[in-house]
Amino acid sequence: MLASRPPTPRPPSARLRRAGYLFSLPSLAFLALFLVYPLLYNVWMSVHDVALRGLLGEATRFNGLANYRAIVSDPDFWHSARLSVVFTLGSLLFQFTIGFALALLFARPFPLNGLLRSLLLVAWLLPPIVSGTLFRWMLDGESGAYNALLRAAGLGSLSHDWLIEPGTSLAGVVFANVWIGVPFNMLLILVGLHTIDPELHEAAAIDGAGAWKRFRWITLPLMLPVSVMVLLLGLVYTFKVFDVIFVMTGGGPVDATTVLSLYVYEVFFRFFRFGEGAAAGLLLLIVPLVAGSIYVLRLRGEGEAA
């Protein structure tokens, strides 16, 4: 008796396709209004000489790439770019390393595992403005918790104004951003660890491989795709951080924490150079856009491979 073949799926009818387009109209309108239009308007501003009077209705003048040349020739722009690179790399290094270590810890069952993991998520769930305000208080030179802890440990000579001194202010905001980003890294890495077959570790242990060798030759290679995804997402989120730094230092002291996002803010709202601010904002988008494109391409490649 011949086995019956599964029915061939029919292509959607024209009515169903039209219904799909209608259902997608609200989301498309939302994207056009709050994403496409502001982006296109920003591009238009970046090639025009836009002053405060221009936003109030006065005619603006097309100036081509003059705004981009002015931004690229500004030493403050390159100073902010260097600070953004240091801030991003420092944050990613500690977020990923600490998140990986915590994921390895919580991958094994132990008492209060779920409770401790939930408590760690508080740092990620709090609004960044709240987290920035919390760390600004804790790193305060006079009444901060960290200076009080140093004095209680007999290390009062190490206490100082962490966010007021240029030498330590950037480290202070990196510290706060690491605290915010560690739970995000931990969760994604923990999901990846759960996809590794435990039998691989058991077989390696039977063959005499210790914990370090199992981690080095099994866990790390199998976690490489997940690690790349986590780092790419972290790069997209960290490079454009504004609120935490703005609340903690406002870009100071003496521009010691003025990363690119704060530089764009100052050009726009402090000096009212709207055309140059739009150009700087588009330049700021380059790194997240490249990282996001790589992330999407990797997801598409994994989907096709599956």
Protein backbone atom coordinates (compact mmCIF):
# COMPACT_ATOMS: atom_id res chain seq x y z
CA MET A 1 0.00 0.00 0.00
CA LEU A 2 1.47 3.29 -1.10
CA ALA A 3 2.10 5.86 1.61
CA SER A 4 0.07 8.99 1.19
CA ARG A 5 2.02 12.12 0.38
CA PRO A 6 1.54 15.20 2.54
CA PRO A 7 -0.58 17.83 0.83
CA THR A 8 1.38 20.53 -0.97
CA PRO A 9 0.87 23.86 0.83
CA ARG A 10 -0.96 26.39 -1.27
CA PRO A 11 0.45 29.86 -1.71
CA PRO A 12 -1.47 32.55 0.16
CA SER A 13 -4.27 34.09 -1.79
CA ALA A 14 -4.29 37.73 -2.84
CA ARG A 15 -6.86 38.50 -0.15
CA LEU A 16 -4.62 37.08 2.57
CA ARG A 17 -1.65 39.06 1.25
CA ARG A 18 -3.68 42.27 1.30
CA ALA A 19 -4.80 41.49 4.84
CA GLY A 20 -1.18 40.99 5.87
CA TYR A 21 -0.26 44.37 4.43
CA LEU A 22 -3.15 46.01 6.28
CA PHE A 23 -2.14 44.45 9.59
CA SER A 24 1.44 45.66 9.11
CA LEU A 25 0.41 49.26 8.33
CA PRO A 26 0.37 50.47 11.98
CA SER A 27 3.88 49.20 12.64
CA LEU A 28 5.12 50.60 9.32
CA ALA A 29 3.57 53.97 10.14
CA PHE A 30 5.21 53.92 13.55
CA LEU A 31 8.63 53.17 12.03
CA ALA A 32 8.20 55.84 9.38
CA LEU A 33 7.15 58.49 11.91
CA PHE A 34 9.61 57.80 14.70
CA LEU A 35 12.58 56.25 12.87
CA VAL A 36 12.73 56.98 9.14
CA TYR A 37 11.56 60.60 9.23
CA PRO A 38 13.89 61.70 12.08
CA LEU A 39 16.82 59.95 10.39
CA LEU A 40 16.13 61.58 7.01
CA TYR A 41 15.62 64.95 8.67
CA ASN A 42 18.94 64.52 10.46
CA VAL A 43 20.62 63.78 7.12
CA TRP A 44 19.03 66.93 5.67
CA MET A 45 20.26 69.04 8.59
CA SER A 46 23.78 67.64 8.26
CA VAL A 47 24.17 69.20 4.78
CA HIS A 48 22.59 72.57 5.62
CA ASP A 49 23.68 75.57 7.62
CA VAL A 50 21.02 75.28 10.31
CA ALA A 51 20.99 77.79 13.16
CA LEU A 52 18.43 78.38 15.87
CA ARG A 53 16.59 80.84 13.66
CA GLY A 54 16.42 78.23 10.92
CA LEU A 55 14.37 75.94 13.14
CA LEU A 56 11.95 78.80 13.73
CA GLY A 57 11.17 79.16 10.04
CA GLU A 58 14.05 81.16 8.56
CA ALA A 59 15.46 79.87 5.29
CA THR A 60 18.51 77.61 5.57
CA ARG A 61 21.45 77.39 3.20
CA PHE A 62 22.79 74.21 1.64
CA ASN A 63 26.48 73.84 2.47
CA GLY A 64 27.30 70.32 1.29
CA LEU A 65 29.89 68.56 3.43
CA ALA A 66 31.00 71.69 5.31
CA ASN A 67 29.45 70.44 8.56
CA TYR A 68 31.28 67.13 8.29
CA ARG A 69 34.58 68.90 7.58
CA ALA A 70 34.05 71.15 10.59
CA ILE A 71 33.37 68.17 12.86
CA VAL A 72 36.30 66.10 11.57
CA SER A 73 38.66 69.06 12.01
CA ASP A 74 37.48 69.68 15.59
CA PRO A 75 40.01 68.33 18.16
CA ASP A 76 37.18 67.88 20.68
CA PHE A 77 35.54 65.39 18.33
CA TRP A 78 38.62 63.18 18.23
CA HIS A 79 39.08 63.54 21.98
CA SER A 80 35.50 62.31 22.45
CA ALA A 81 36.07 59.50 19.95
CA ARG A 82 39.09 58.27 21.93
CA LEU A 83 37.12 58.42 25.17
CA SER A 84 34.28 56.46 23.53
CA VAL A 85 36.71 53.74 22.43
CA VAL A 86 38.25 53.49 25.92
CA PHE A 87 34.83 53.53 27.61
CA THR A 88 33.42 50.89 25.24
CA LEU A 89 36.39 48.53 25.35
CA GLY A 90 36.71 48.81 29.13
CA SER A 91 33.02 48.18 29.64
CA LEU A 92 32.90 45.22 27.24
CA LEU A 93 36.00 43.61 28.74
CA PHE A 94 34.71 43.58 32.31
CA GLN A 95 31.04 43.00 31.43
CA PHE A 96 31.84 39.95 29.33
CA THR A 97 34.47 38.50 31.67
CA ILE A 98 32.40 38.89 34.83
CA GLY A 99 29.22 37.81 33.02
CA PHE A 100 30.95 34.67 31.73
CA ALA A 101 32.25 33.81 35.20
CA LEU A 102 28.80 34.29 36.75
CA ALA A 103 27.19 32.22 33.98
CA LEU A 104 29.59 29.36 34.72
CA LEU A 105 28.67 29.66 38.40
CA PHE A 106 24.91 29.65 37.86
CA ALA A 107 25.07 26.88 35.24
CA ARG A 108 25.54 24.45 38.14
CA PRO A 109 22.70 23.81 40.58
CA PHE A 110 23.24 24.96 44.15
CA PRO A 111 21.00 26.28 46.95
CA LEU A 112 19.48 29.75 46.31
CA ASN A 113 20.63 29.66 42.69
CA GLY A 114 17.40 31.17 41.37
CA LEU A 115 17.18 33.79 44.11
CA LEU A 116 20.72 35.06 43.60
CA ARG A 117 20.29 35.12 39.84
CA SER A 118 17.11 37.17 40.23
CA LEU A 119 18.85 39.64 42.52
CA LEU A 120 21.57 40.16 39.93
CA LEU A 121 18.93 41.16 37.39
CA VAL A 122 18.05 44.23 39.46
CA ALA A 123 21.04 46.07 38.01
CA TRP A 124 19.73 45.43 34.50
CA LEU A 125 16.09 46.21 35.26
CA LEU A 126 16.72 49.56 36.93
CA PRO A 127 16.48 52.60 34.61
CA PRO A 128 19.96 53.85 33.67
CA ILE A 129 19.23 57.26 35.21
CA VAL A 130 18.52 55.59 38.55
CA SER A 131 21.69 53.51 38.31
CA GLY A 132 23.75 56.58 37.39
CA THR A 133 22.35 58.54 40.31
CA LEU A 134 23.03 55.63 42.66
CA PHE A 135 26.69 55.42 41.63
CA ARG A 136 27.11 59.18 41.75
CA TRP A 137 26.11 59.04 45.42
CA MET A 138 28.27 56.01 46.18
CA LEU A 139 31.36 57.56 44.54
CA ASP A 140 30.88 60.93 46.18
CA GLY A 141 34.06 62.25 47.76
CA GLU A 142 32.55 63.30 51.12
CA SER A 143 29.62 61.00 51.85
CA GLY A 144 30.14 58.21 49.33
CA ALA A 145 29.85 54.57 50.36
CA TYR A 146 33.14 53.56 48.73
CA ASN A 147 35.19 56.14 50.56
CA ALA A 148 33.48 55.15 53.80
CA LEU A 149 34.36 51.52 53.08
CA LEU A 150 38.00 52.44 52.47
CA ARG A 151 38.17 54.40 55.72
CA ALA A 152 36.56 51.52 57.63
CA ALA A 153 39.19 49.16 56.19
CA GLY A 154 42.00 51.46 57.28
CA LEU A 155 42.70 52.64 53.71
CA GLY A 156 41.49 56.19 54.14
CA SER A 157 44.53 57.50 52.28
CA LEU A 158 43.10 55.99 49.06
CA SER A 159 39.78 57.82 49.34
CA HIS A 160 39.23 60.85 47.09
CA ASP A 161 36.65 62.45 44.79
CA TRP A 162 36.31 59.68 42.21
CA LEU A 163 34.06 61.58 39.80
CA ILE A 164 35.61 65.03 40.24
CA GLU A 165 39.24 64.14 39.55
CA PRO A 166 39.98 63.75 35.80
CA GLY A 167 42.21 60.74 36.40
CA THR A 168 39.48 58.56 37.90
CA SER A 169 36.21 59.95 36.53
CA LEU A 170 36.22 57.79 33.39
CA ALA A 171 36.98 54.70 35.47
CA GLY A 172 34.02 55.60 37.69
CA VAL A 173 31.54 55.72 34.81
CA VAL A 174 33.00 52.49 33.36
CA PHE A 175 32.48 50.88 36.76
CA ALA A 176 28.83 51.93 36.79
CA ASN A 177 28.23 50.76 33.23
CA VAL A 178 29.85 47.39 33.97
CA TRP A 179 27.48 46.90 36.90
CA ILE A 180 24.54 47.62 34.58
CA GLY A 181 25.68 45.35 31.74
CA VAL A 182 26.91 42.26 33.62
CA PRO A 183 23.42 40.70 34.09
CA PHE A 184 22.67 41.04 30.36
CA ASN A 185 25.92 39.25 29.45
CA MET A 186 25.35 36.62 32.12
CA LEU A 187 21.86 35.73 30.87
CA LEU A 188 22.85 35.34 27.23
CA ILE A 189 25.97 33.33 28.05
CA LEU A 190 24.01 31.17 30.50
CA VAL A 191 21.55 30.28 27.74
CA GLY A 192 24.48 29.31 25.54
CA LEU A 193 26.01 27.15 28.25
CA HIS A 194 22.77 25.20 28.61
CA THR A 195 22.95 24.23 24.92
CA ILE A 196 26.24 22.33 25.42
CA ASP A 197 25.68 18.58 25.74
CA PRO A 198 26.75 17.49 29.27
CA GLU A 199 27.91 14.17 27.85
CA LEU A 200 30.85 15.95 26.23
CA HIS A 201 32.15 17.06 29.62
CA GLU A 202 31.45 13.63 31.11
CA ALA A 203 33.38 11.88 28.35
CA ALA A 204 36.30 14.28 28.71
CA ALA A 205 36.33 13.77 32.49
CA ILE A 206 36.43 9.99 32.01
CA ASP A 207 39.42 10.44 29.68
CA GLY A 208 41.22 12.33 32.45
CA ALA A 209 40.66 15.94 31.38
CA GLY A 210 40.57 18.34 34.31
CA ALA A 211 38.21 21.27 34.79
CA TRP A 212 40.52 23.75 33.04
CA LYS A 213 41.05 21.49 30.00
CA ARG A 214 37.32 20.85 29.69
CA PHE A 215 36.72 24.60 29.81
CA ARG A 216 39.54 25.36 27.38
CA TRP A 217 38.83 22.68 24.77
CA ILE A 218 35.05 22.17 25.06
CA THR A 219 33.28 25.15 26.61
CA LEU A 220 35.20 27.99 24.96
CA PRO A 221 35.08 26.65 21.35
CA LEU A 222 31.38 25.78 21.59
CA MET A 223 30.60 29.17 23.15
CA LEU A 224 32.43 31.15 20.47
CA PRO A 225 29.31 31.96 18.35
CA VAL A 226 27.36 33.04 21.43
CA SER A 227 30.32 35.09 22.68
CA VAL A 228 30.58 36.94 19.36
CA MET A 229 26.86 37.75 19.46
CA VAL A 230 27.06 38.99 23.05
CA LEU A 231 30.05 41.22 22.27
CA LEU A 232 28.40 42.64 19.15
CA LEU A 233 25.22 43.48 21.05
CA GLY A 234 27.29 44.96 23.86
CA LEU A 235 29.17 47.10 21.36
CA VAL A 236 25.92 48.43 19.90
CA TYR A 237 24.49 49.30 23.32
CA THR A 238 27.68 50.61 24.95
CA PHE A 239 29.08 52.86 22.23
CA LYS A 240 26.01 55.11 22.34
CA VAL A 241 25.59 55.27 26.14
CA PHE A 242 24.51 58.75 27.18
CA ASP A 243 22.23 58.78 30.21
CA VAL A 244 24.51 57.08 32.76
CA ILE A 245 27.48 59.35 31.99
CA PHE A 246 25.32 62.47 31.79
CA VAL A 247 23.79 61.82 35.21
CA MET A 248 27.10 60.92 36.87
CA THR A 249 29.49 63.55 35.48
CA GLY A 250 27.77 65.58 32.76
CA GLY A 251 30.86 65.00 30.62
CA GLY A 252 33.27 66.50 33.16
CA PRO A 253 35.51 67.16 34.80
CA VAL A 254 37.32 69.13 32.07
CA ASP A 255 35.77 66.90 29.35
CA ALA A 256 37.33 63.81 30.95
CA THR A 257 34.13 61.80 30.30
CA THR A 258 32.75 63.60 27.24
CA VAL A 259 32.21 60.61 25.00
CA LEU A 260 30.79 61.01 21.49
CA SER A 261 27.16 60.91 22.60
CA LEU A 262 27.76 63.79 25.04
CA TYR A 263 29.78 65.65 22.41
CA VAL A 264 26.80 65.51 20.04
CA TYR A 265 24.52 66.71 22.85
CA GLU A 266 26.78 69.68 23.60
CA VAL A 267 27.09 70.69 19.95
CA PHE A 268 23.32 70.56 19.59
CA PHE A 269 21.93 71.98 22.81
CA ARG A 270 24.79 74.00 24.30
CA PHE A 271 26.29 75.66 21.23
CA PHE A 272 23.19 75.41 18.96
CA ARG A 273 25.27 74.27 15.97
CA PHE A 274 22.49 72.08 14.66
CA GLY A 275 24.00 71.24 11.29
CA GLU A 276 27.30 70.18 12.82
CA GLY A 277 25.46 68.32 15.56
CA ALA A 278 23.48 66.37 12.96
CA ALA A 279 26.70 65.50 11.14
CA ALA A 280 28.33 64.36 14.40
CA GLY A 281 25.25 62.29 15.22
CA LEU A 282 25.47 60.48 11.89
CA LEU A 283 29.17 59.81 12.45
CA LEU A 284 28.27 58.42 15.86
CA LEU A 285 25.95 55.91 14.17
CA ILE A 286 28.73 54.34 12.09
CA VAL A 287 30.08 51.93 14.73
CA PRO A 288 26.67 50.69 16.01
CA LEU A 289 25.44 50.39 12.43
CA VAL A 290 28.41 48.27 11.36
CA ALA A 291 28.17 46.10 14.49
CA GLY A 292 24.41 45.70 14.05
CA SER A 293 24.84 44.72 10.40
CA ILE A 294 27.39 42.06 11.34
CA TYR A 295 25.02 40.77 14.02
CA VAL A 296 22.10 40.51 11.58
CA LEU A 297 24.26 38.79 8.95
CA ARG A 298 25.46 36.24 11.50
CA LEU A 299 21.89 35.53 12.58
CA ARG A 300 20.83 35.09 8.97
CA GLY A 301 23.78 32.79 8.28
CA GLU A 302 22.95 30.64 11.31
CA GLY A 303 19.31 30.48 10.25
CA GLU A 304 20.25 29.31 6.75
CA ALA A 305 22.70 26.75 8.15
CA ALA A 306 20.00 25.33 10.41
